[in-house]
Amino acid sequence: MLASTLMVAIFGQGQSSLAGLATIAAAAGFFTNAGVVGLYAIIAQSFPTAVRGGGTGFVIGVGRGGAALGPIVAGFLFSRDFGLPTVAIAMAAGSLIAAGALLLLRPAPGR
């Protein structure tokens, strides 16, 4: 998640070539998706076996809502004349918040 934060912020700084832009975009996508996939294992362990499928599905659904909200927020910021660097940092903040939340996680007693 920290790498995702960094790569999305770098993406917003602009690149001098199409190859550079493609490389940064690929790295940002890689780290963002890797972070989300890693969360699936944590989510599955967070629910008792009897409700694991439903609980995991609910959390993933909430995440999809956030994914739909991201472009809306970015569009709003662009409409308010924020530049790409600022919008990219705002979008990267989501990964930074997630990284902070992950650092605060502690195993449940008895696990």
Protein backbone atom coordinates (compact mmCIF):
# COMPACT_ATOMS: atom_id res chain seq x y z
CA MET A 1 0.00 0.00 0.00
CA LEU A 2 2.90 2.34 0.66
CA ALA A 3 4.36 1.55 -2.76
CA SER A 4 0.94 2.21 -4.27
CA THR A 5 0.81 5.60 -2.54
CA LEU A 6 4.23 6.50 -3.88
CA MET A 7 3.59 5.34 -7.44
CA VAL A 8 0.22 7.10 -7.76
CA ALA A 9 1.79 10.31 -6.45
CA ILE A 10 4.67 9.98 -8.95
CA PHE A 11 2.17 9.33 -11.76
CA GLY A 12 0.56 12.68 -11.04
CA GLN A 13 3.82 14.56 -11.43
CA GLY A 14 3.76 13.94 -15.18
CA GLN A 15 6.32 12.17 -17.29
CA SER A 16 8.46 13.42 -20.15
CA SER A 17 7.74 10.50 -22.45
CA LEU A 18 4.99 8.04 -23.26
CA ALA A 19 7.26 5.16 -22.22
CA GLY A 20 7.84 6.80 -18.83
CA LEU A 21 4.13 7.38 -18.37
CA ALA A 22 3.36 3.76 -19.29
CA THR A 23 5.99 2.46 -16.88
CA ILE A 24 4.75 4.55 -13.96
CA ALA A 25 1.11 3.69 -14.73
CA ALA A 26 1.95 -0.02 -14.87
CA ALA A 27 3.85 0.15 -11.56
CA ALA A 28 1.03 2.10 -9.90
CA GLY A 29 -1.51 -0.44 -11.13
CA PHE A 30 0.65 -3.36 -10.04
CA PHE A 31 1.18 -2.13 -6.49
CA THR A 32 -2.43 -0.99 -6.07
CA ASN A 33 -3.84 -4.32 -7.24
CA ALA A 34 -1.27 -6.29 -5.21
CA GLY A 35 -2.32 -4.41 -2.10
CA VAL A 36 -6.00 -5.12 -2.68
CA VAL A 37 -5.36 -8.82 -3.33
CA GLY A 38 -3.36 -9.01 -0.11
CA LEU A 39 -6.33 -7.58 1.74
CA TYR A 40 -8.50 -10.53 0.67
CA ALA A 41 -6.48 -12.89 2.87
CA ILE A 42 -6.73 -10.53 5.83
CA ILE A 43 -10.47 -10.08 5.31
CA ALA A 44 -11.09 -13.82 5.14
CA GLN A 45 -9.30 -14.35 8.46
CA SER A 46 -11.34 -11.60 10.10
CA PHE A 47 -14.66 -13.45 9.97
CA PRO A 48 -15.74 -16.65 11.71
CA THR A 49 -16.05 -19.63 9.38
CA ALA A 50 -19.86 -19.61 9.49
CA VAL A 51 -20.10 -16.10 8.03
CA ARG A 52 -16.80 -15.84 6.16
CA GLY A 53 -18.31 -15.91 2.66
CA GLY A 54 -20.96 -13.31 3.40
CA GLY A 55 -18.64 -11.10 5.42
CA THR A 56 -15.93 -11.16 2.78
CA GLY A 57 -18.48 -10.47 0.05
CA PHE A 58 -19.86 -7.51 1.98
CA VAL A 59 -16.40 -5.99 2.50
CA ILE A 60 -15.50 -6.47 -1.16
CA GLY A 61 -18.81 -4.81 -2.11
CA VAL A 62 -18.00 -1.79 0.05
CA GLY A 63 -14.60 -1.64 -1.64
CA ARG A 64 -16.27 -1.66 -5.07
CA GLY A 65 -18.36 1.30 -3.93
CA GLY A 66 -15.15 3.13 -3.06
CA ALA A 67 -13.72 2.23 -6.46
CA ALA A 68 -16.77 3.77 -8.11
CA LEU A 69 -16.50 6.88 -5.94
CA GLY A 70 -12.81 7.50 -6.78
CA PRO A 71 -13.35 8.79 -10.33
CA ILE A 72 -16.24 10.94 -9.13
CA VAL A 73 -14.02 12.58 -6.50
CA ALA A 74 -11.21 13.03 -9.05
CA GLY A 75 -13.65 14.59 -11.52
CA PHE A 76 -14.94 16.93 -8.83
CA LEU A 77 -11.40 18.02 -7.97
CA PHE A 78 -10.55 18.60 -11.63
CA SER A 79 -13.75 20.62 -12.04
CA ARG A 80 -12.55 22.83 -9.17
CA ASP A 81 -9.35 23.54 -11.12
CA PHE A 82 -7.04 21.32 -9.09
CA GLY A 83 -4.13 20.15 -11.21
CA LEU A 84 -3.05 16.58 -11.88
CA PRO A 85 -0.33 16.59 -9.19
CA THR A 86 -2.80 17.60 -6.49
CA VAL A 87 -5.49 15.17 -7.64
CA ALA A 88 -2.97 12.32 -7.80
CA ILE A 89 -1.83 13.03 -4.24
CA ALA A 90 -5.46 13.11 -3.09
CA MET A 91 -6.08 9.76 -4.80
CA ALA A 92 -2.86 8.32 -3.34
CA ALA A 93 -4.05 9.32 0.13
CA GLY A 94 -6.52 6.42 0.07
CA SER A 95 -3.65 3.92 -0.12
CA LEU A 96 -1.79 5.79 2.59
CA ILE A 97 -4.81 5.64 4.90
CA ALA A 98 -5.17 1.91 4.15
CA ALA A 99 -1.48 1.36 4.95
CA GLY A 100 -1.93 3.16 8.26
CA ALA A 101 -4.98 1.08 9.09
CA LEU A 102 -3.06 -2.12 8.30
CA LEU A 103 -0.25 -1.07 10.63
CA LEU A 104 -2.79 -0.72 13.43
CA LEU A 105 -4.22 -4.23 12.98
CA ARG A 106 -3.53 -6.66 15.78
CA PRO A 107 -4.40 -10.36 15.90
CA ALA A 108 -7.52 -11.23 17.83
CA PRO A 109 -6.88 -12.91 21.20
CA GLY A 110 -6.65 -16.67 20.77
CA ARG A 111 -5.52 -16.57 17.14
